[in-house]
Amino acid sequence: MEQRVHLQPVYVLHRRPFQNTSLLLDFFCMDYGRVRGIARGVRGNKSRSRSLLQLFHPLLVSFSGRGEVKTVGEIESGHAAITLQGQRLFSGLYVNELLTRMLLLHVEHKSLFLHYQDTLVALQGDTDMELVLRRFELKLLAELGYAINLQEDCRSHDPIAADKLYRFTPDVGFECSDDELSATDGGSNPRLFRGEHLIALREFELGDRERAQAAKRLLRLALNAHLGDRPLHSRSLFAARTT
C-alpha cells in the first residue's frame, strides 16, 4: 500500500547526487525514523528547494511511495538552520553518520529525534562538546536496546565502586576485574575501566581529561560492536584536525 506523509518534521542526515538534477536523501523524521527519499530536480538552478535541503536545517517534508525509497514532495523550512563550525561541525557530522549507520528504515524513534534536536542546539552553543557527544551516544544505544548499565556489576549486581577496576563487554556490561592498569588508563587492555570513571560518566562529570578519555573509549567500544568493520568517515575529520 502506498504511503503518503504530509509535511513531517525532519532533518537531512545525508545527501548525495542522484541522476542529473536530483538528490538521494536520508532523513530523520519525528514520526517515521530514518527515511530514504529521492528529491527530483532539486539540483537545478531554478529549484526553490535547493537551498533548504542542507544538514542541520529543521524542515517540513512530504513524501510518498510504496517501496523503501520514497518520492519527496513539498519541502518547507521549519526554523532557522543550525550553524556549526570547526570541531562542532565535525561533531554534528559524526552524530548524523551514527544515525545513518545504526537506524533501520521506517522505525519510529520520537524520543531520539527530540534528543537529536537538543544535541544540535547544544553543539551550536558553548556546552562542552565531549559531554554533548557522550550523552547522545548513550541515548542512541539505549533507544536501540543496547543501554549501558553504569549502576552495577553485571554478575554480582553490586554497585559500581569508585576504587575498583571493571572489564567491559559490549551488550553485557561491567564485571569486577583483578587485572592491573598500567600508567596509561586502560593499559594494554582497552576494555578495563576504573570504577571512578564509570561513576563520572553516569553523573556526566567529564571535566577531567582522564574521565573524558575513558568515557570516549567506552562509548567507542560499545558503538563499534554494532557498527561493524567499516570505519566512520566523520572520525577521520577529527584525526585530520588534530594532526
C-alpha atoms as a PDB file:
ATOM      1  CA  MET A   1       0.000   0.000   0.000  1.00  0.00           C
ATOM      2  CA  GLU A   2       1.274   3.427  -0.902  1.00  0.00           C
ATOM      3  CA  GLN A   3       2.347   5.630   1.988  1.00  0.00           C
ATOM      4  CA  ARG A   4       1.616   9.362   1.912  1.00  0.00           C
ATOM      5  CA  VAL A   5       3.064  11.635   4.588  1.00  0.00           C
ATOM      6  CA  HIS A   6       2.292  15.349   4.697  1.00  0.00           C
ATOM      7  CA  LEU A   7       4.837  17.899   5.979  1.00  0.00           C
ATOM      8  CA  GLN A   8       6.634  15.747   8.517  1.00  0.00           C
ATOM      9  CA  PRO A   9       9.293  17.416  10.766  1.00  0.00           C
ATOM     10  CA  VAL A  10      12.653  16.118   9.510  1.00  0.00           C
ATOM     11  CA  TYR A  11      16.390  16.727   9.354  1.00  0.00           C
ATOM     12  CA  VAL A  12      18.624  15.705   6.463  1.00  0.00           C
ATOM     13  CA  LEU A  13      21.207  13.202   7.729  1.00  0.00           C
ATOM     14  CA  HIS A  14      22.953  12.509   4.431  1.00  0.00           C
ATOM     15  CA  ARG A  15      22.626  13.637   0.830  1.00  0.00           C
ATOM     16  CA  ARG A  16      24.236  12.628  -2.435  1.00  0.00           C
ATOM     17  CA  PRO A  17      23.632  13.387  -6.119  1.00  0.00           C
ATOM     18  CA  PHE A  18      21.201  11.172  -7.981  1.00  0.00           C
ATOM     19  CA  GLN A  19      20.940  11.187 -11.778  1.00  0.00           C
ATOM     20  CA  ASN A  20      21.336  14.627 -13.362  1.00  0.00           C
ATOM     21  CA  THR A  21      19.444  17.040 -11.136  1.00  0.00           C
ATOM     22  CA  SER A  22      18.123  15.039  -8.174  1.00  0.00           C
ATOM     23  CA  LEU A  23      19.296  14.113  -4.673  1.00  0.00           C
ATOM     24  CA  LEU A  24      19.127  10.821  -2.791  1.00  0.00           C
ATOM     25  CA  LEU A  25      18.467  11.764   0.829  1.00  0.00           C
ATOM     26  CA  ASP A  26      18.416  10.122   4.228  1.00  0.00           C
ATOM     27  CA  PHE A  27      16.011  11.962   6.544  1.00  0.00           C
ATOM     28  CA  PHE A  28      15.474  11.610  10.266  1.00  0.00           C
ATOM     29  CA  CYS A  29      11.720  12.048  10.772  1.00  0.00           C
ATOM     30  CA  MET A  30       9.917  12.685  14.023  1.00  0.00           C
ATOM     31  CA  ASP A  31       7.263  10.012  13.463  1.00  0.00           C
ATOM     32  CA  TYR A  32       8.880   7.665  10.921  1.00  0.00           C
ATOM     33  CA  GLY A  33      12.527   7.392  11.964  1.00  0.00           C
ATOM     34  CA  ARG A  34      15.060   7.175   9.152  1.00  0.00           C
ATOM     35  CA  VAL A  35      13.512   7.565   5.713  1.00  0.00           C
ATOM     36  CA  ARG A  36      15.290   7.429   2.358  1.00  0.00           C
ATOM     37  CA  GLY A  37      13.846   9.503  -0.453  1.00  0.00           C
ATOM     38  CA  ILE A  38      14.566  11.000  -3.854  1.00  0.00           C
ATOM     39  CA  ALA A  39      14.082  14.731  -4.295  1.00  0.00           C
ATOM     40  CA  ARG A  40      13.756  15.165  -8.038  1.00  0.00           C
ATOM     41  CA  GLY A  41      15.046  18.226  -9.842  1.00  0.00           C
ATOM     42  CA  VAL A  42      16.277  19.992  -6.694  1.00  0.00           C
ATOM     43  CA  ARG A  43      19.802  20.444  -8.013  1.00  0.00           C
ATOM     44  CA  GLY A  44      18.539  22.521 -10.898  1.00  0.00           C
ATOM     45  CA  ASN A  45      19.246  26.247 -10.866  1.00  0.00           C
ATOM     46  CA  LYS A  46      15.530  27.071 -10.749  1.00  0.00           C
ATOM     47  CA  SER A  47      14.735  24.809  -7.796  1.00  0.00           C
ATOM     48  CA  ARG A  48      13.345  26.623  -4.750  1.00  0.00           C
ATOM     49  CA  SER A  49      14.225  23.689  -2.520  1.00  0.00           C
ATOM     50  CA  ARG A  50      17.904  23.554  -3.362  1.00  0.00           C
ATOM     51  CA  SER A  51      18.970  25.866  -0.507  1.00  0.00           C
ATOM     52  CA  LEU A  52      16.708  24.152   2.038  1.00  0.00           C
ATOM     53  CA  LEU A  53      17.999  20.595   1.746  1.00  0.00           C
ATOM     54  CA  GLN A  54      21.027  21.173   3.947  1.00  0.00           C
ATOM     55  CA  LEU A  55      22.287  19.339   7.025  1.00  0.00           C
ATOM     56  CA  PHE A  56      21.110  20.636  10.421  1.00  0.00           C
ATOM     57  CA  HIS A  57      18.215  22.582   8.916  1.00  0.00           C
ATOM     58  CA  PRO A  58      14.803  21.835  10.522  1.00  0.00           C
ATOM     59  CA  LEU A  59      12.410  21.067   7.662  1.00  0.00           C
ATOM     60  CA  LEU A  60       8.835  20.029   6.970  1.00  0.00           C
ATOM     61  CA  VAL A  61       8.790  17.438   4.182  1.00  0.00           C
ATOM     62  CA  SER A  62       6.071  15.482   2.405  1.00  0.00           C
ATOM     63  CA  PHE A  63       6.892  12.111   0.852  1.00  0.00           C
ATOM     64  CA  SER A  64       5.087   9.175  -0.690  1.00  0.00           C
ATOM     65  CA  GLY A  65       5.674   5.784  -2.292  1.00  0.00           C
ATOM     66  CA  ARG A  66       5.241   2.031  -1.936  1.00  0.00           C
ATOM     67  CA  GLY A  67       8.846   0.888  -1.598  1.00  0.00           C
ATOM     68  CA  GLU A  68      11.647   1.673   0.850  1.00  0.00           C
ATOM     69  CA  VAL A  69      12.805   4.675  -1.186  1.00  0.00           C
ATOM     70  CA  LYS A  70      10.165   7.402  -1.154  1.00  0.00           C
ATOM     71  CA  THR A  71       9.497  10.289  -3.523  1.00  0.00           C
ATOM     72  CA  VAL A  72       9.935  13.660  -1.841  1.00  0.00           C
ATOM     73  CA  GLY A  73       7.191  16.202  -2.438  1.00  0.00           C
ATOM     74  CA  GLU A  74       6.700  19.514  -0.621  1.00  0.00           C
ATOM     75  CA  ILE A  75       9.666  20.937   1.268  1.00  0.00           C
ATOM     76  CA  GLU A  76       9.305  23.825   3.716  1.00  0.00           C
ATOM     77  CA  SER A  77      11.661  25.411   6.217  1.00  0.00           C
ATOM     78  CA  GLY A  78      10.759  24.693   9.841  1.00  0.00           C
ATOM     79  CA  HIS A  79      13.036  27.084  11.761  1.00  0.00           C
ATOM     80  CA  ALA A  80      16.354  28.772  11.109  1.00  0.00           C
ATOM     81  CA  ALA A  81      19.171  26.396  10.213  1.00  0.00           C
ATOM     82  CA  ILE A  82      21.607  25.466  12.970  1.00  0.00           C
ATOM     83  CA  THR A  83      25.118  26.714  12.205  1.00  0.00           C
ATOM     84  CA  LEU A  84      28.061  24.568  13.285  1.00  0.00           C
ATOM     85  CA  GLN A  85      31.723  25.322  12.700  1.00  0.00           C
ATOM     86  CA  GLY A  86      35.086  23.649  13.225  1.00  0.00           C
ATOM     87  CA  GLN A  87      35.103  20.739  15.661  1.00  0.00           C
ATOM     88  CA  ARG A  88      31.422  21.287  16.388  1.00  0.00           C
ATOM     89  CA  LEU A  89      30.637  20.819  12.702  1.00  0.00           C
ATOM     90  CA  PHE A  90      32.614  17.563  12.719  1.00  0.00           C
ATOM     91  CA  SER A  91      30.656  16.522  15.813  1.00  0.00           C
ATOM     92  CA  GLY A  92      27.382  17.168  14.001  1.00  0.00           C
ATOM     93  CA  LEU A  93      28.557  15.129  11.026  1.00  0.00           C
ATOM     94  CA  TYR A  94      29.563  12.330  13.411  1.00  0.00           C
ATOM     95  CA  VAL A  95      26.109  12.283  15.026  1.00  0.00           C
ATOM     96  CA  ASN A  96      24.466  12.218  11.588  1.00  0.00           C
ATOM     97  CA  GLU A  97      26.655   9.350  10.447  1.00  0.00           C
ATOM     98  CA  LEU A  98      25.857   7.341  13.571  1.00  0.00           C
ATOM     99  CA  LEU A  99      22.138   7.733  12.903  1.00  0.00           C
ATOM    100  CA  THR A 100      22.511   6.856   9.226  1.00  0.00           C
ATOM    101  CA  ARG A 101      24.501   3.719  10.026  1.00  0.00           C
ATOM    102  CA  MET A 102      22.567   2.471  13.048  1.00  0.00           C
ATOM    103  CA  LEU A 103      18.899   3.296  12.466  1.00  0.00           C
ATOM    104  CA  LEU A 104      16.763   0.906  10.450  1.00  0.00           C
ATOM    105  CA  LEU A 105      14.447   2.419   7.855  1.00  0.00           C
ATOM    106  CA  HIS A 106      10.894   3.379   8.895  1.00  0.00           C
ATOM    107  CA  VAL A 107      11.220   2.648  12.628  1.00  0.00           C
ATOM    108  CA  GLU A 108       9.896   5.437  14.845  1.00  0.00           C
ATOM    109  CA  HIS A 109      12.313   6.976  17.359  1.00  0.00           C
ATOM    110  CA  LYS A 110      10.500  10.109  18.504  1.00  0.00           C
ATOM    111  CA  SER A 111      12.376  10.417  21.791  1.00  0.00           C
ATOM    112  CA  LEU A 112      15.695  10.095  19.964  1.00  0.00           C
ATOM    113  CA  PHE A 113      14.563  12.646  17.362  1.00  0.00           C
ATOM    114  CA  LEU A 114      13.887  15.189  20.111  1.00  0.00           C
ATOM    115  CA  HIS A 115      17.235  14.387  21.746  1.00  0.00           C
ATOM    116  CA  TYR A 116      18.932  14.859  18.366  1.00  0.00           C
ATOM    117  CA  GLN A 117      17.411  18.342  18.138  1.00  0.00           C
ATOM    118  CA  ASP A 118      18.674  19.151  21.621  1.00  0.00           C
ATOM    119  CA  THR A 119      22.116  17.830  20.669  1.00  0.00           C
ATOM    120  CA  LEU A 120      22.370  20.137  17.647  1.00  0.00           C
ATOM    121  CA  VAL A 121      21.302  23.139  19.730  1.00  0.00           C
ATOM    122  CA  ALA A 122      23.893  22.235  22.384  1.00  0.00           C
ATOM    123  CA  LEU A 123      26.627  21.877  19.743  1.00  0.00           C
ATOM    124  CA  GLN A 124      25.741  25.313  18.418  1.00  0.00           C
ATOM    125  CA  GLY A 125      26.200  26.771  21.903  1.00  0.00           C
ATOM    126  CA  ASP A 126      29.126  26.605  24.306  1.00  0.00           C
ATOM    127  CA  THR A 127      28.269  23.364  26.144  1.00  0.00           C
ATOM    128  CA  ASP A 128      31.269  21.042  26.486  1.00  0.00           C
ATOM    129  CA  MET A 129      31.403  19.122  23.218  1.00  0.00           C
ATOM    130  CA  GLU A 130      32.607  15.837  24.736  1.00  0.00           C
ATOM    131  CA  LEU A 131      29.737  15.860  27.221  1.00  0.00           C
ATOM    132  CA  VAL A 132      27.202  16.524  24.436  1.00  0.00           C
ATOM    133  CA  LEU A 133      28.511  13.618  22.354  1.00  0.00           C
ATOM    134  CA  ARG A 134      28.642  11.148  25.235  1.00  0.00           C
ATOM    135  CA  ARG A 135      25.056  11.997  26.192  1.00  0.00           C
ATOM    136  CA  PHE A 136      23.925  11.413  22.617  1.00  0.00           C
ATOM    137  CA  GLU A 137      25.812   8.135  22.250  1.00  0.00           C
ATOM    138  CA  LEU A 138      24.332   6.767  25.474  1.00  0.00           C
ATOM    139  CA  LYS A 139      20.838   7.843  24.395  1.00  0.00           C
ATOM    140  CA  LEU A 140      21.268   6.245  20.965  1.00  0.00           C
ATOM    141  CA  LEU A 141      22.409   2.928  22.435  1.00  0.00           C
ATOM    142  CA  ALA A 142      19.562   2.912  24.966  1.00  0.00           C
ATOM    143  CA  GLU A 143      16.998   3.742  22.280  1.00  0.00           C
ATOM    144  CA  LEU A 144      18.161   0.795  20.174  1.00  0.00           C
ATOM    145  CA  GLY A 145      18.051  -1.614  23.097  1.00  0.00           C
ATOM    146  CA  TYR A 146      21.776  -1.633  23.906  1.00  0.00           C
ATOM    147  CA  ALA A 147      21.748   0.527  27.047  1.00  0.00           C
ATOM    148  CA  ILE A 148      24.930   0.519  29.152  1.00  0.00           C
ATOM    149  CA  ASN A 149      24.295  -0.217  32.824  1.00  0.00           C
ATOM    150  CA  LEU A 150      26.586   2.151  34.722  1.00  0.00           C
ATOM    151  CA  GLN A 151      24.969   1.307  38.031  1.00  0.00           C
ATOM    152  CA  GLU A 152      26.149  -2.202  38.905  1.00  0.00           C
ATOM    153  CA  ASP A 153      28.376  -5.192  38.214  1.00  0.00           C
ATOM    154  CA  CYS A 154      26.550  -7.362  35.656  1.00  0.00           C
ATOM    155  CA  ARG A 155      27.354 -10.597  37.520  1.00  0.00           C
ATOM    156  CA  SER A 156      27.409  -9.811  41.232  1.00  0.00           C
ATOM    157  CA  HIS A 157      24.909  -6.931  40.914  1.00  0.00           C
ATOM    158  CA  ASP A 158      26.993  -4.975  43.420  1.00  0.00           C
ATOM    159  CA  PRO A 159      27.032  -1.204  42.822  1.00  0.00           C
ATOM    160  CA  ILE A 160      29.931   0.107  40.746  1.00  0.00           C
ATOM    161  CA  ALA A 161      32.636   1.088  43.255  1.00  0.00           C
ATOM    162  CA  ALA A 162      34.985   4.004  42.636  1.00  0.00           C
ATOM    163  CA  ASP A 163      38.051   2.142  43.920  1.00  0.00           C
ATOM    164  CA  LYS A 164      37.600  -0.995  41.816  1.00  0.00           C
ATOM    165  CA  LEU A 165      38.508  -1.978  38.265  1.00  0.00           C
ATOM    166  CA  TYR A 166      35.962  -3.298  35.756  1.00  0.00           C
ATOM    167  CA  ARG A 167      36.113  -5.211  32.496  1.00  0.00           C
ATOM    168  CA  PHE A 168      33.539  -4.102  29.897  1.00  0.00           C
ATOM    169  CA  THR A 169      31.832  -6.463  27.458  1.00  0.00           C
ATOM    170  CA  PRO A 170      29.544  -4.753  24.905  1.00  0.00           C
ATOM    171  CA  ASP A 171      25.847  -5.615  25.339  1.00  0.00           C
ATOM    172  CA  VAL A 172      26.691  -7.455  28.583  1.00  0.00           C
ATOM    173  CA  GLY A 173      28.098  -4.885  30.988  1.00  0.00           C
ATOM    174  CA  PHE A 174      30.845  -4.462  33.575  1.00  0.00           C
ATOM    175  CA  GLU A 175      32.440  -7.183  35.662  1.00  0.00           C
ATOM    176  CA  CYS A 176      34.829  -6.516  38.532  1.00  0.00           C
ATOM    177  CA  SER A 177      38.362  -7.447  37.480  1.00  0.00           C
ATOM    178  CA  ASP A 178      41.572  -8.363  39.328  1.00  0.00           C
ATOM    179  CA  ASP A 179      43.738  -7.093  36.444  1.00  0.00           C
ATOM    180  CA  GLU A 180      46.010  -4.110  36.964  1.00  0.00           C
ATOM    181  CA  LEU A 181      46.167  -0.952  34.887  1.00  0.00           C
ATOM    182  CA  SER A 182      49.458   0.439  33.608  1.00  0.00           C
ATOM    183  CA  ALA A 183      50.305   4.127  33.842  1.00  0.00           C
ATOM    184  CA  THR A 184      48.061   4.762  30.840  1.00  0.00           C
ATOM    185  CA  ASP A 185      44.410   4.320  31.703  1.00  0.00           C
ATOM    186  CA  GLY A 186      43.268   1.072  30.160  1.00  0.00           C
ATOM    187  CA  GLY A 187      46.818  -0.212  29.882  1.00  0.00           C
ATOM    188  CA  SER A 188      47.179  -2.859  27.199  1.00  0.00           C
ATOM    189  CA  ASN A 189      43.523  -3.864  27.616  1.00  0.00           C
ATOM    190  CA  PRO A 190      41.118  -1.179  26.344  1.00  0.00           C
ATOM    191  CA  ARG A 191      38.199  -2.994  27.986  1.00  0.00           C
ATOM    192  CA  LEU A 192      39.363  -2.174  31.525  1.00  0.00           C
ATOM    193  CA  PHE A 193      37.888   0.847  33.298  1.00  0.00           C
ATOM    194  CA  ARG A 194      38.258   2.433  36.695  1.00  0.00           C
ATOM    195  CA  GLY A 195      35.054   2.490  38.711  1.00  0.00           C
ATOM    196  CA  GLU A 196      35.536   6.200  39.435  1.00  0.00           C
ATOM    197  CA  HIS A 197      35.463   6.903  35.687  1.00  0.00           C
ATOM    198  CA  LEU A 198      32.262   4.907  35.186  1.00  0.00           C
ATOM    199  CA  ILE A 199      30.623   6.835  38.008  1.00  0.00           C
ATOM    200  CA  ALA A 200      31.806  10.101  36.448  1.00  0.00           C
ATOM    201  CA  LEU A 201      30.181   9.153  33.129  1.00  0.00           C
ATOM    202  CA  ARG A 202      26.989   8.119  34.907  1.00  0.00           C
ATOM    203  CA  GLU A 203      26.837  11.546  36.560  1.00  0.00           C
ATOM    204  CA  PHE A 204      28.082  13.359  33.416  1.00  0.00           C
ATOM    205  CA  GLU A 205      31.059  14.860  35.214  1.00  0.00           C
ATOM    206  CA  LEU A 206      33.669  14.721  32.453  1.00  0.00           C
ATOM    207  CA  GLY A 207      35.607  17.925  33.004  1.00  0.00           C
ATOM    208  CA  ASP A 208      38.738  15.977  33.926  1.00  0.00           C
ATOM    209  CA  ARG A 209      40.803  14.825  30.918  1.00  0.00           C
ATOM    210  CA  GLU A 210      41.191  11.211  32.144  1.00  0.00           C
ATOM    211  CA  ARG A 211      37.454  10.902  32.752  1.00  0.00           C
ATOM    212  CA  ALA A 212      36.637  12.295  29.319  1.00  0.00           C
ATOM    213  CA  GLN A 213      39.083   9.931  27.589  1.00  0.00           C
ATOM    214  CA  ALA A 214      37.760   6.897  29.470  1.00  0.00           C
ATOM    215  CA  ALA A 215      34.171   7.806  28.550  1.00  0.00           C
ATOM    216  CA  LYS A 216      35.122   8.215  24.903  1.00  0.00           C
ATOM    217  CA  ARG A 217      36.939   4.856  24.883  1.00  0.00           C
ATOM    218  CA  LEU A 218      33.980   3.115  26.494  1.00  0.00           C
ATOM    219  CA  LEU A 219      31.401   4.517  24.070  1.00  0.00           C
ATOM    220  CA  ARG A 220      33.598   3.677  21.104  1.00  0.00           C
ATOM    221  CA  LEU A 221      33.778   0.046  22.239  1.00  0.00           C
ATOM    222  CA  ALA A 222      30.010  -0.092  22.705  1.00  0.00           C
ATOM    223  CA  LEU A 223      29.235   1.507  19.339  1.00  0.00           C
ATOM    224  CA  ASN A 224      31.816  -0.454  17.357  1.00  0.00           C
ATOM    225  CA  ALA A 225      30.090  -3.666  18.406  1.00  0.00           C
ATOM    226  CA  HIS A 226      27.172  -2.593  16.201  1.00  0.00           C
ATOM    227  CA  LEU A 227      28.889  -0.543  13.504  1.00  0.00           C
ATOM    228  CA  GLY A 228      30.938  -3.452  12.180  1.00  0.00           C
ATOM    229  CA  ASP A 229      34.317  -3.226  10.449  1.00  0.00           C
ATOM    230  CA  ARG A 230      33.529  -0.258   8.203  1.00  0.00           C
ATOM    231  CA  PRO A 231      35.004   2.871   9.868  1.00  0.00           C
ATOM    232  CA  LEU A 232      33.078   6.087  10.386  1.00  0.00           C
ATOM    233  CA  HIS A 233      34.215   8.717   7.876  1.00  0.00           C
ATOM    234  CA  SER A 234      33.490  11.541  10.313  1.00  0.00           C
ATOM    235  CA  ARG A 235      36.051  10.210  12.819  1.00  0.00           C
ATOM    236  CA  SER A 236      38.784  10.839  10.251  1.00  0.00           C
ATOM    237  CA  LEU A 237      37.848  14.538  10.256  1.00  0.00           C
ATOM    238  CA  PHE A 238      38.716  14.800  13.955  1.00  0.00           C
ATOM    239  CA  ALA A 239      42.003  12.984  13.347  1.00  0.00           C
ATOM    240  CA  ALA A 240      42.910  15.275  10.442  1.00  0.00           C
ATOM    241  CA  ARG A 241      42.122  18.334  12.523  1.00  0.00           C
ATOM    242  CA  THR A 242      44.472  17.288  15.323  1.00  0.00           C
ATOM    243  CA  THR A 243      47.469  16.360  13.115  1.00  0.00           C
END
